């Protein structure tokens, strides 16, 4: 399957919108009371997911910013390689966690009642 640049940009834009929606919902507490911690000092599950997605999004933005600067010859090659490697690691981690969540959900669905 051949993917064009416009398709890739559209998919990236859609994924960013979904991540921003999740972050805004968890940050404002709209996710409901599911996963709320009993201890006020410990964060809820939705807060931890929101913070993790926020960190992943920020890392991607940093990588894009340094890449843009490198294209304009305003960034060092070492900074470019480091930021792109960090963004790639973050993306791979998010994808791995997503895959594990989907697998766990499928296992739960298969359980007999």
PDB file of N, CA and C in Angstrom:
ATOM      1  N   UNK A   1       0.833  -1.172   0.000  1.00  0.00           N
ATOM      2  CA  UNK A   1       0.000   0.000   0.000  1.00  0.00           C
ATOM      3  C   UNK A   1       0.884   1.243   0.000  1.00  0.00           C
ATOM      4  N   UNK A   2       0.625   2.132  -0.909  1.00  0.00           N
ATOM      5  CA  UNK A   2       1.381   3.359  -1.020  1.00  0.00           C
ATOM      6  C   UNK A   2       0.619   4.468  -0.295  1.00  0.00           C
ATOM      7  N   UNK A   3       1.320   5.176   0.575  1.00  0.00           N
ATOM      8  CA  UNK A   3       0.716   6.269   1.323  1.00  0.00           C
ATOM      9  C   UNK A   3       1.286   7.582   0.818  1.00  0.00           C
ATOM     10  N   UNK A   4       0.398   8.503   0.499  1.00  0.00           N
ATOM     11  CA  UNK A   4       0.852   9.803   0.035  1.00  0.00           C
ATOM     12  C   UNK A   4       1.143  10.699   1.235  1.00  0.00           C
ATOM     13  N   UNK A   5       1.821  11.780   0.961  1.00  0.00           N
ATOM     14  CA  UNK A   5       2.148  12.728   2.026  1.00  0.00           C
ATOM     15  C   UNK A   5       0.876  13.340   2.604  1.00  0.00           C
ATOM     16  N   UNK A   6      -0.093  13.628   1.764  1.00  0.00           N
ATOM     17  CA  UNK A   6      -1.336  14.233   2.269  1.00  0.00           C
ATOM     18  C   UNK A   6      -2.108  13.256   3.147  1.00  0.00           C
ATOM     19  N   UNK A   7      -2.087  11.958   2.821  1.00  0.00           N
ATOM     20  CA  UNK A   7      -2.746  10.971   3.662  1.00  0.00           C
ATOM     21  C   UNK A   7      -2.041  10.858   5.010  1.00  0.00           C
ATOM     22  N   UNK A   8      -0.733  10.871   4.989  1.00  0.00           N
ATOM     23  CA  UNK A   8       0.032  10.787   6.233  1.00  0.00           C
ATOM     24  C   UNK A   8      -0.211  12.023   7.097  1.00  0.00           C
ATOM     25  N   UNK A   9      -0.233  13.188   6.481  1.00  0.00           N
ATOM     26  CA  UNK A   9      -0.479  14.419   7.229  1.00  0.00           C
ATOM     27  C   UNK A   9      -1.889  14.424   7.814  1.00  0.00           C
ATOM     28  N   UNK A  10      -2.852  13.926   7.064  1.00  0.00           N
ATOM     29  CA  UNK A  10      -4.225  13.852   7.545  1.00  0.00           C
ATOM     30  C   UNK A  10      -4.339  12.889   8.721  1.00  0.00           C
ATOM     31  N   UNK A  11      -3.690  11.740   8.618  1.00  0.00           N
ATOM     32  CA  UNK A  11      -3.713  10.772   9.714  1.00  0.00           C
ATOM     33  C   UNK A  11      -3.042  11.339  10.958  1.00  0.00           C
ATOM     34  N   UNK A  12      -1.933  12.044  10.766  1.00  0.00           N
ATOM     35  CA  UNK A  12      -1.229  12.657  11.894  1.00  0.00           C
ATOM     36  C   UNK A  12      -2.111  13.723  12.564  1.00  0.00           C
ATOM     37  N   UNK A  13      -2.778  14.535  11.756  1.00  0.00           N
ATOM     38  CA  UNK A  13      -3.660  15.574  12.283  1.00  0.00           C
ATOM     39  C   UNK A  13      -4.812  14.949  13.071  1.00  0.00           C
ATOM     40  N   UNK A  14      -5.401  13.876  12.547  1.00  0.00           N
ATOM     41  CA  UNK A  14      -6.494  13.205  13.235  1.00  0.00           C
ATOM     42  C   UNK A  14      -6.032  12.610  14.561  1.00  0.00           C
ATOM     43  N   UNK A  15      -4.867  11.988  14.569  1.00  0.00           N
ATOM     44  CA  UNK A  15      -4.330  11.403  15.794  1.00  0.00           C
ATOM     45  C   UNK A  15      -4.038  12.482  16.835  1.00  0.00           C
ATOM     46  N   UNK A  16      -3.561  13.622  16.386  1.00  0.00           N
ATOM     47  CA  UNK A  16      -3.286  14.728  17.305  1.00  0.00           C
ATOM     48  C   UNK A  16      -4.577  15.244  17.917  1.00  0.00           C
ATOM     49  N   UNK A  17      -5.622  15.346  17.125  1.00  0.00           N
ATOM     50  CA  UNK A  17      -6.924  15.800  17.647  1.00  0.00           C
ATOM     51  C   UNK A  17      -7.466  14.839  18.695  1.00  0.00           C
ATOM     52  N   UNK A  18      -7.356  13.546  18.431  1.00  0.00           N
ATOM     53  CA  UNK A  18      -7.837  12.550  19.389  1.00  0.00           C
ATOM     54  C   UNK A  18      -7.043  12.643  20.682  1.00  0.00           C
ATOM     55  N   UNK A  19      -5.722  12.742  20.579  1.00  0.00           N
ATOM     56  CA  UNK A  19      -4.885  12.845  21.780  1.00  0.00           C
ATOM     57  C   UNK A  19      -5.199  14.114  22.561  1.00  0.00           C
ATOM     58  N   UNK A  20      -5.400  15.219  21.873  1.00  0.00           N
ATOM     59  CA  UNK A  20      -5.726  16.474  22.562  1.00  0.00           C
ATOM     60  C   UNK A  20      -7.087  16.387  23.247  1.00  0.00           C
ATOM     61  N   UNK A  21      -8.034  15.693  22.606  1.00  0.00           N
ATOM     62  CA  UNK A  21      -9.356  15.526  23.219  1.00  0.00           C
ATOM     63  C   UNK A  21      -9.238  14.698  24.483  1.00  0.00           C
ATOM     64  N   UNK A  22      -8.471  13.619  24.434  1.00  0.00           N
ATOM     65  CA  UNK A  22      -8.288  12.769  25.612  1.00  0.00           C
ATOM     66  C   UNK A  22      -7.603  13.553  26.730  1.00  0.00           C
ATOM     67  N   UNK A  23      -6.598  14.317  26.369  1.00  0.00           N
ATOM     68  CA  UNK A  23      -5.879  15.107  27.370  1.00  0.00           C
ATOM     69  C   UNK A  23      -6.797  16.134  28.007  1.00  0.00           C
ATOM     70  N   UNK A  24      -7.606  16.803  27.193  1.00  0.00           N
ATOM     71  CA  UNK A  24      -8.497  17.822  27.758  1.00  0.00           C
ATOM     72  C   UNK A  24      -9.569  17.184  28.630  1.00  0.00           C
ATOM     73  N   UNK A  25     -10.070  16.017  28.248  1.00  0.00           N
ATOM     74  CA  UNK A  25     -11.081  15.350  29.065  1.00  0.00           C
ATOM     75  C   UNK A  25     -10.517  14.885  30.394  1.00  0.00           C
ATOM     76  N   UNK A  26      -9.340  14.295  30.375  1.00  0.00           N
ATOM     77  CA  UNK A  26      -8.764  13.806  31.621  1.00  0.00           C
ATOM     78  C   UNK A  26      -8.283  14.950  32.491  1.00  0.00           C
ATOM     79  N   UNK A  27      -7.819  16.005  31.879  1.00  0.00           N
ATOM     80  CA  UNK A  27      -7.345  17.147  32.649  1.00  0.00           C
ATOM     81  C   UNK A  27      -8.470  17.885  33.347  1.00  0.00           C
ATOM     82  N   UNK A  28      -9.664  17.863  32.759  1.00  0.00           N
ATOM     83  CA  UNK A  28     -10.804  18.571  33.335  1.00  0.00           C
ATOM     84  C   UNK A  28     -11.687  17.648  34.165  1.00  0.00           C
ATOM     85  N   UNK A  29     -11.318  16.376  34.246  1.00  0.00           N
ATOM     86  CA  UNK A  29     -12.089  15.454  35.054  1.00  0.00           C
ATOM     87  C   UNK A  29     -13.381  15.019  34.403  1.00  0.00           C
ATOM     88  N   UNK A  30     -13.530  15.143  33.097  1.00  0.00           N
ATOM     89  CA  UNK A  30     -14.752  14.766  32.423  1.00  0.00           C
ATOM     90  C   UNK A  30     -14.827  13.277  32.166  1.00  0.00           C
ATOM     91  N   UNK A  31     -13.772  12.560  32.459  1.00  0.00           N
ATOM     92  CA  UNK A  31     -13.751  11.128  32.211  1.00  0.00           C
ATOM     93  C   UNK A  31     -14.626  10.370  33.195  1.00  0.00           C
ATOM     94  N   UNK A  32     -15.192  11.052  34.162  1.00  0.00           N
ATOM     95  CA  UNK A  32     -16.076  10.397  35.113  1.00  0.00           C
ATOM     96  C   UNK A  32     -15.324   9.936  36.340  1.00  0.00           C
ATOM     97  N   UNK A  33     -16.020   9.172  37.160  1.00  0.00           N
ATOM     98  CA  UNK A  33     -15.413   8.748  38.414  1.00  0.00           C
ATOM     99  C   UNK A  33     -14.680   7.430  38.289  1.00  0.00           C
ATOM    100  N   UNK A  34     -14.652   6.826  37.107  1.00  0.00           N
ATOM    101  CA  UNK A  34     -13.945   5.564  36.928  1.00  0.00           C
ATOM    102  C   UNK A  34     -12.460   5.798  37.147  1.00  0.00           C
ATOM    103  N   UNK A  35     -11.866   5.005  37.972  1.00  0.00           N
ATOM    104  CA  UNK A  35     -10.432   5.087  38.201  1.00  0.00           C
ATOM    105  C   UNK A  35     -10.038   6.157  39.207  1.00  0.00           C
ATOM    106  N   UNK A  36     -10.990   6.777  39.887  1.00  0.00           N
ATOM    107  CA  UNK A  36     -10.653   7.791  40.875  1.00  0.00           C
ATOM    108  C   UNK A  36     -10.003   7.138  42.080  1.00  0.00           C
ATOM    109  N   UNK A  37      -8.919   7.686  42.503  1.00  0.00           N
ATOM    110  CA  UNK A  37      -8.188   7.133  43.635  1.00  0.00           C
ATOM    111  C   UNK A  37      -8.873   7.536  44.928  1.00  0.00           C
ATOM    112  N   UNK A  38      -8.796   6.666  45.931  1.00  0.00           N
ATOM    113  CA  UNK A  38      -9.372   6.976  47.225  1.00  0.00           C
ATOM    114  C   UNK A  38      -8.494   7.949  47.984  1.00  0.00           C
ATOM    115  N   UNK A  39      -7.197   7.842  47.798  1.00  0.00           N
ATOM    116  CA  UNK A  39      -6.251   8.717  48.469  1.00  0.00           C
ATOM    117  C   UNK A  39      -6.119  10.005  47.662  1.00  0.00           C
ATOM    118  N   UNK A  40      -6.404  11.164  48.249  1.00  0.00           N
ATOM    119  CA  UNK A  40      -6.316  12.417  47.486  1.00  0.00           C
ATOM    120  C   UNK A  40      -4.905  12.773  47.042  1.00  0.00           C
ATOM    121  N   UNK A  41      -3.890  12.150  47.664  1.00  0.00           N
ATOM    122  CA  UNK A  41      -2.511  12.445  47.292  1.00  0.00           C
ATOM    123  C   UNK A  41      -2.048  11.636  46.077  1.00  0.00           C
ATOM    124  N   UNK A  42      -2.749  10.544  45.748  1.00  0.00           N
ATOM    125  CA  UNK A  42      -2.347   9.727  44.605  1.00  0.00           C
ATOM    126  C   UNK A  42      -3.229  10.067  43.405  1.00  0.00           C
ATOM    127  N   UNK A  43      -2.648  10.122  42.238  1.00  0.00           N
ATOM    128  CA  UNK A  43      -3.427  10.487  41.045  1.00  0.00           C
ATOM    129  C   UNK A  43      -4.328   9.347  40.605  1.00  0.00           C
ATOM    130  N   UNK A  44      -5.407   9.692  39.913  1.00  0.00           N
ATOM    131  CA  UNK A  44      -6.295   8.671  39.371  1.00  0.00           C
ATOM    132  C   UNK A  44      -5.681   8.107  38.091  1.00  0.00           C
ATOM    133  N   UNK A  45      -6.240   6.996  37.641  1.00  0.00           N
ATOM    134  CA  UNK A  45      -5.746   6.353  36.429  1.00  0.00           C
ATOM    135  C   UNK A  45      -5.894   7.278  35.235  1.00  0.00           C
ATOM    136  N   UNK A  46      -7.036   7.963  35.144  1.00  0.00           N
ATOM    137  CA  UNK A  46      -7.249   8.865  34.010  1.00  0.00           C
ATOM    138  C   UNK A  46      -6.280  10.042  34.036  1.00  0.00           C
ATOM    139  N   UNK A  47      -5.922  10.514  35.235  1.00  0.00           N
ATOM    140  CA  UNK A  47      -4.930  11.587  35.333  1.00  0.00           C
ATOM    141  C   UNK A  47      -3.555  11.112  34.866  1.00  0.00           C
ATOM    142  N   UNK A  48      -3.199   9.872  35.245  1.00  0.00           N
ATOM    143  CA  UNK A  48      -1.906   9.342  34.824  1.00  0.00           C
ATOM    144  C   UNK A  48      -1.858   9.170  33.301  1.00  0.00           C
ATOM    145  N   UNK A  49      -2.941   8.688  32.711  1.00  0.00           N
ATOM    146  CA  UNK A  49      -2.984   8.531  31.258  1.00  0.00           C
ATOM    147  C   UNK A  49      -2.902   9.895  30.584  1.00  0.00           C
ATOM    148  N   UNK A  50      -3.646  10.853  31.107  1.00  0.00           N
ATOM    149  CA  UNK A  50      -3.616  12.203  30.535  1.00  0.00           C
ATOM    150  C   UNK A  50      -2.235  12.826  30.607  1.00  0.00           C
ATOM    151  N   UNK A  51      -1.569  12.672  31.748  1.00  0.00           N
ATOM    152  CA  UNK A  51      -0.219  13.222  31.898  1.00  0.00           C
ATOM    153  C   UNK A  51       0.770  12.534  30.962  1.00  0.00           C
ATOM    154  N   UNK A  52       0.617  11.231  30.805  1.00  0.00           N
ATOM    155  CA  UNK A  52       1.509  10.491  29.910  1.00  0.00           C
ATOM    156  C   UNK A  52       1.308  10.918  28.463  1.00  0.00           C
ATOM    157  N   UNK A  53       0.058  11.070  28.054  1.00  0.00           N
ATOM    158  CA  UNK A  53      -0.215  11.523  26.686  1.00  0.00           C
ATOM    159  C   UNK A  53       0.289  12.950  26.469  1.00  0.00           C
ATOM    160  N   UNK A  54       0.157  13.787  27.482  1.00  0.00           N
ATOM    161  CA  UNK A  54       0.658  15.159  27.389  1.00  0.00           C
ATOM    162  C   UNK A  54       2.176  15.147  27.198  1.00  0.00           C
ATOM    163  N   UNK A  55       2.871  14.317  27.954  1.00  0.00           N
ATOM    164  CA  UNK A  55       4.321  14.209  27.833  1.00  0.00           C
ATOM    165  C   UNK A  55       4.717  13.692  26.455  1.00  0.00           C
ATOM    166  N   UNK A  56       3.985  12.686  25.962  1.00  0.00           N
ATOM    167  CA  UNK A  56       4.269  12.131  24.631  1.00  0.00           C
ATOM    168  C   UNK A  56       4.037  13.184  23.552  1.00  0.00           C
ATOM    169  N   UNK A  57       2.956  13.930  23.674  1.00  0.00           N
ATOM    170  CA  UNK A  57       2.664  14.975  22.692  1.00  0.00           C
ATOM    171  C   UNK A  57       3.737  16.061  22.719  1.00  0.00           C
ATOM    172  N   UNK A  58       4.152  16.468  23.901  1.00  0.00           N
ATOM    173  CA  UNK A  58       5.195  17.486  24.020  1.00  0.00           C
ATOM    174  C   UNK A  58       6.513  17.004  23.412  1.00  0.00           C
ATOM    175  N   UNK A  59       6.845  15.731  23.628  1.00  0.00           N
ATOM    176  CA  UNK A  59       8.062  15.172  23.041  1.00  0.00           C
ATOM    177  C   UNK A  59       8.016  15.180  21.520  1.00  0.00           C
ATOM    178  N   UNK A  60       6.848  14.859  20.967  1.00  0.00           N
ATOM    179  CA  UNK A  60       6.684  14.912  19.513  1.00  0.00           C
ATOM    180  C   UNK A  60       6.826  16.327  18.981  1.00  0.00           C
ATOM    181  N   UNK A  61       6.248  17.280  19.698  1.00  0.00           N
ATOM    182  CA  UNK A  61       6.371  18.678  19.279  1.00  0.00           C
ATOM    183  C   UNK A  61       7.820  19.151  19.335  1.00  0.00           C
ATOM    184  N   UNK A  62       8.555  18.728  20.380  1.00  0.00           N
ATOM    185  CA  UNK A  62       9.967  19.108  20.485  1.00  0.00           C
ATOM    186  C   UNK A  62      10.759  18.534  19.313  1.00  0.00           C
ATOM    187  N   UNK A  63      10.482  17.285  18.984  1.00  0.00           N
ATOM    188  CA  UNK A  63      11.158  16.657  17.854  1.00  0.00           C
ATOM    189  C   UNK A  63      10.878  17.375  16.548  1.00  0.00           C
ATOM    190  N   UNK A  64       9.621  17.763  16.351  1.00  0.00           N
ATOM    191  CA  UNK A  64       9.261  18.497  15.137  1.00  0.00           C
ATOM    192  C   UNK A  64       9.916  19.873  15.110  1.00  0.00           C
ATOM    193  N   UNK A  65       9.978  20.519  16.264  1.00  0.00           N
ATOM    194  CA  UNK A  65      10.584  21.846  16.338  1.00  0.00           C
ATOM    195  C   UNK A  65      12.069  21.798  15.990  1.00  0.00           C
ATOM    196  N   UNK A  66      12.775  20.830  16.548  1.00  0.00           N
ATOM    197  CA  UNK A  66      14.200  20.710  16.257  1.00  0.00           C
ATOM    198  C   UNK A  66      14.412  20.307  14.794  1.00  0.00           C
ATOM    199  N   UNK A  67      13.536  19.455  14.265  1.00  0.00           N
ATOM    200  CA  UNK A  67      13.643  19.070  12.851  1.00  0.00           C
ATOM    201  C   UNK A  67      13.464  20.278  11.950  1.00  0.00           C
ATOM    202  N   UNK A  68      12.509  21.128  12.277  1.00  0.00           N
ATOM    203  CA  UNK A  68      12.285  22.338  11.492  1.00  0.00           C
ATOM    204  C   UNK A  68      13.493  23.266  11.572  1.00  0.00           C
ATOM    205  N   UNK A  69      14.072  23.395  12.755  1.00  0.00           N
ATOM    206  CA  UNK A  69      15.262  24.225  12.905  1.00  0.00           C
ATOM    207  C   UNK A  69      16.445  23.649  12.130  1.00  0.00           C
ATOM    208  N   UNK A  70      16.539  22.309  12.110  1.00  0.00           N
ATOM    209  CA  UNK A  70      17.642  21.676  11.388  1.00  0.00           C
ATOM    210  C   UNK A  70      17.508  21.905   9.886  1.00  0.00           C
ATOM    211  N   UNK A  71      16.299  21.914   9.383  1.00  0.00           N
ATOM    212  CA  UNK A  71      16.089  22.179   7.960  1.00  0.00           C
ATOM    213  C   UNK A  71      16.554  23.587   7.612  1.00  0.00           C
ATOM    214  N   UNK A  72      16.347  24.512   8.547  1.00  0.00           N
ATOM    215  CA  UNK A  72      16.763  25.897   8.339  1.00  0.00           C
ATOM    216  C   UNK A  72      18.215  26.130   8.777  1.00  0.00           C
ATOM    217  N   UNK A  73      18.966  25.067   9.060  1.00  0.00           N
ATOM    218  CA  UNK A  73      20.359  25.140   9.509  1.00  0.00           C
ATOM    219  C   UNK A  73      20.521  25.950  10.789  1.00  0.00           C
ATOM    220  N   UNK A  74      19.551  25.835  11.693  1.00  0.00           N
ATOM    221  CA  UNK A  74      19.611  26.549  12.967  1.00  0.00           C
ATOM    222  C   UNK A  74      19.821  25.614  14.157  1.00  0.00           C
ATOM    223  N   UNK A  75      19.934  24.294  13.899  1.00  0.00           N
ATOM    224  CA  UNK A  75      20.104  23.330  14.991  1.00  0.00           C
ATOM    225  C   UNK A  75      21.290  22.419  14.697  1.00  0.00           C
ATOM    226  N   UNK A  76      21.897  21.934  15.762  1.00  0.00           N
ATOM    227  CA  UNK A  76      23.012  20.999  15.622  1.00  0.00           C
ATOM    228  C   UNK A  76      22.495  19.628  15.228  1.00  0.00           C
ATOM    229  N   UNK A  77      23.327  18.890  14.559  1.00  0.00           N
ATOM    230  CA  UNK A  77      22.971  17.537  14.145  1.00  0.00           C
ATOM    231  C   UNK A  77      22.745  16.639  15.361  1.00  0.00           C
ATOM    232  N   UNK A  78      23.531  16.833  16.400  1.00  0.00           N
ATOM    233  CA  UNK A  78      23.385  16.030  17.609  1.00  0.00           C
ATOM    234  C   UNK A  78      22.027  16.276  18.263  1.00  0.00           C
ATOM    235  N   UNK A  79      21.595  17.540  18.321  1.00  0.00           N
ATOM    236  CA  UNK A  79      20.281  17.856  18.882  1.00  0.00           C
ATOM    237  C   UNK A  79      19.163  17.232  18.056  1.00  0.00           C
ATOM    238  N   UNK A  80      19.323  17.267  16.750  1.00  0.00           N
ATOM    239  CA  UNK A  80      18.329  16.685  15.856  1.00  0.00           C
ATOM    240  C   UNK A  80      18.212  15.186  16.089  1.00  0.00           C
ATOM    241  N   UNK A  81      19.331  14.500  16.123  1.00  0.00           N
ATOM    242  CA  UNK A  81      19.319  13.045  16.300  1.00  0.00           C
ATOM    243  C   UNK A  81      18.732  12.677  17.661  1.00  0.00           C
ATOM    244  N   UNK A  82      19.108  13.408  18.689  1.00  0.00           N
ATOM    245  CA  UNK A  82      18.595  13.129  20.028  1.00  0.00           C
ATOM    246  C   UNK A  82      17.092  13.334  20.108  1.00  0.00           C
ATOM    247  N   UNK A  83      16.598  14.450  19.587  1.00  0.00           N
ATOM    248  CA  UNK A  83      15.163  14.732  19.682  1.00  0.00           C
ATOM    249  C   UNK A  83      14.341  13.768  18.842  1.00  0.00           C
ATOM    250  N   UNK A  84      14.828  13.401  17.664  1.00  0.00           N
ATOM    251  CA  UNK A  84      14.099  12.444  16.823  1.00  0.00           C
ATOM    252  C   UNK A  84      14.110  11.065  17.474  1.00  0.00           C
ATOM    253  N   UNK A  85      15.227  10.670  18.066  1.00  0.00           N
ATOM    254  CA  UNK A  85      15.298   9.371  18.753  1.00  0.00           C
ATOM    255  C   UNK A  85      14.352   9.337  19.948  1.00  0.00           C
ATOM    256  N   UNK A  86      14.290  10.436  20.697  1.00  0.00           N
ATOM    257  CA  UNK A  86      13.366  10.508  21.835  1.00  0.00           C
ATOM    258  C   UNK A  86      11.918  10.439  21.369  1.00  0.00           C
ATOM    259  N   UNK A  87      11.594  11.135  20.302  1.00  0.00           N
ATOM    260  CA  UNK A  87      10.234  11.105  19.771  1.00  0.00           C
ATOM    261  C   UNK A  87       9.878   9.704  19.276  1.00  0.00           C
ATOM    262  N   UNK A  88      10.835   9.038  18.632  1.00  0.00           N
ATOM    263  CA  UNK A  88      10.589   7.680  18.147  1.00  0.00           C
ATOM    264  C   UNK A  88      10.383   6.717  19.314  1.00  0.00           C
ATOM    265  N   UNK A  89      11.192   6.837  20.351  1.00  0.00           N
ATOM    266  CA  UNK A  89      11.050   5.984  21.523  1.00  0.00           C
ATOM    267  C   UNK A  89       9.698   6.207  22.190  1.00  0.00           C
ATOM    268  N   UNK A  90       9.292   7.449  22.315  1.00  0.00           N
ATOM    269  CA  UNK A  90       8.000   7.759  22.917  1.00  0.00           C
ATOM    270  C   UNK A  90       6.861   7.178  22.092  1.00  0.00           C
ATOM    271  N   UNK A  91       6.935   7.334  20.779  1.00  0.00           N
ATOM    272  CA  UNK A  91       5.901   6.787  19.908  1.00  0.00           C
ATOM    273  C   UNK A  91       5.834   5.274  20.017  1.00  0.00           C
ATOM    274  N   UNK A  92       6.982   4.613  20.011  1.00  0.00           N
ATOM    275  CA  UNK A  92       6.998   3.159  20.145  1.00  0.00           C
ATOM    276  C   UNK A  92       6.421   2.705  21.478  1.00  0.00           C
ATOM    277  N   UNK A  93       6.689   3.458  22.532  1.00  0.00           N
ATOM    278  CA  UNK A  93       6.140   3.134  23.847  1.00  0.00           C
ATOM    279  C   UNK A  93       4.628   3.288  23.863  1.00  0.00           C
ATOM    280  N   UNK A  94       4.134   4.379  23.307  1.00  0.00           N
ATOM    281  CA  UNK A  94       2.684   4.611  23.260  1.00  0.00           C
ATOM    282  C   UNK A  94       1.998   3.523  22.438  1.00  0.00           C
ATOM    283  N   UNK A  95       2.585   3.141  21.319  1.00  0.00           N
ATOM    284  CA  UNK A  95       2.007   2.091  20.480  1.00  0.00           C
ATOM    285  C   UNK A  95       2.009   0.756  21.223  1.00  0.00           C
ATOM    286  N   UNK A  96       3.082   0.449  21.937  1.00  0.00           N
ATOM    287  CA  UNK A  96       3.150  -0.802  22.690  1.00  0.00           C
ATOM    288  C   UNK A  96       2.097  -0.844  23.791  1.00  0.00           C
ATOM    289  N   UNK A  97       1.919   0.258  24.493  1.00  0.00           N
ATOM    290  CA  UNK A  97       0.902   0.318  25.542  1.00  0.00           C
ATOM    291  C   UNK A  97      -0.489   0.182  24.930  1.00  0.00           C
ATOM    292  N   UNK A  98      -0.716   0.853  23.817  1.00  0.00           N
ATOM    293  CA  UNK A  98      -2.012   0.743  23.143  1.00  0.00           C
ATOM    294  C   UNK A  98      -2.293  -0.694  22.748  1.00  0.00           C
ATOM    295  N   UNK A  99      -1.296  -1.379  22.198  1.00  0.00           N
ATOM    296  CA  UNK A  99      -1.470  -2.768  21.791  1.00  0.00           C
ATOM    297  C   UNK A  99      -1.784  -3.658  22.991  1.00  0.00           C
ATOM    298  N   UNK A 100      -1.115  -3.405  24.116  1.00  0.00           N
ATOM    299  CA  UNK A 100      -1.383  -4.192  25.324  1.00  0.00           C
ATOM    300  C   UNK A 100      -2.796  -3.939  25.847  1.00  0.00           C
ATOM    301  N   UNK A 101      -3.244  -2.701  25.793  1.00  0.00           N
ATOM    302  CA  UNK A 101      -4.603  -2.380  26.246  1.00  0.00           C
ATOM    303  C   UNK A 101      -5.627  -3.073  25.357  1.00  0.00           C
ATOM    304  N   UNK A 102      -5.410  -3.057  24.067  1.00  0.00           N
ATOM    305  CA  UNK A 102      -6.336  -3.725  23.140  1.00  0.00           C
ATOM    306  C   UNK A 102      -6.346  -5.223  23.389  1.00  0.00           C
ATOM    307  N   UNK A 103      -5.186  -5.815  23.596  1.00  0.00           N
ATOM    308  CA  UNK A 103      -5.110  -7.244  23.883  1.00  0.00           C
ATOM    309  C   UNK A 103      -5.831  -7.582  25.187  1.00  0.00           C
ATOM    310  N   UNK A 104      -5.635  -6.770  26.203  1.00  0.00           N
ATOM    311  CA  UNK A 104      -6.320  -6.999  27.485  1.00  0.00           C
ATOM    312  C   UNK A 104      -7.833  -6.879  27.315  1.00  0.00           C
ATOM    313  N   UNK A 105      -8.274  -5.888  26.552  1.00  0.00           N
ATOM    314  CA  UNK A 105      -9.704  -5.718  26.302  1.00  0.00           C
ATOM    315  C   UNK A 105     -10.274  -6.939  25.576  1.00  0.00           C
ATOM    316  N   UNK A 106      -9.566  -7.431  24.574  1.00  0.00           N
ATOM    317  CA  UNK A 106     -10.017  -8.611  23.842  1.00  0.00           C
ATOM    318  C   UNK A 106     -10.061  -9.837  24.749  1.00  0.00           C
ATOM    319  N   UNK A 107      -9.098  -9.974  25.643  1.00  0.00           N
ATOM    320  CA  UNK A 107      -9.112 -11.088  26.596  1.00  0.00           C
ATOM    321  C   UNK A 107     -10.305 -10.991  27.532  1.00  0.00           C
ATOM    322  N   UNK A 108     -10.622  -9.801  27.973  1.00  0.00           N
ATOM    323  CA  UNK A 108     -11.779  -9.619  28.854  1.00  0.00           C
ATOM    324  C   UNK A 108     -13.076  -9.955  28.131  1.00  0.00           C
ATOM    325  N   UNK A 109     -13.176  -9.540  26.881  1.00  0.00           N
ATOM    326  CA  UNK A 109     -14.374  -9.830  26.102  1.00  0.00           C
ATOM    327  C   UNK A 109     -14.562 -11.339  25.902  1.00  0.00           C
ATOM    328  N   UNK A 110     -13.476 -12.099  25.793  1.00  0.00           N
ATOM    329  CA  UNK A 110     -13.543 -13.543  25.589  1.00  0.00           C
ATOM    330  C   UNK A 110     -13.908 -14.324  26.835  1.00  0.00           C
ATOM    331  N   UNK A 111     -13.847 -13.679  28.023  1.00  0.00           N
ATOM    332  CA  UNK A 111     -14.130 -14.384  29.266  1.00  0.00           C
ATOM    333  C   UNK A 111     -15.594 -14.796  29.332  1.00  0.00           C
ATOM    334  N   UNK A 112     -15.836 -16.011  29.806  1.00  0.00           N
ATOM    335  CA  UNK A 112     -17.236 -16.422  29.969  1.00  0.00           C
ATOM    336  C   UNK A 112     -17.870 -15.710  31.163  1.00  0.00           C
ATOM    337  N   UNK A 113     -19.139 -15.495  31.041  1.00  0.00           N
ATOM    338  CA  UNK A 113     -19.850 -14.768  32.126  1.00  0.00           C
ATOM    339  C   UNK A 113     -20.393 -15.754  33.126  1.00  0.00           C
TER     340      UNK A 113
END
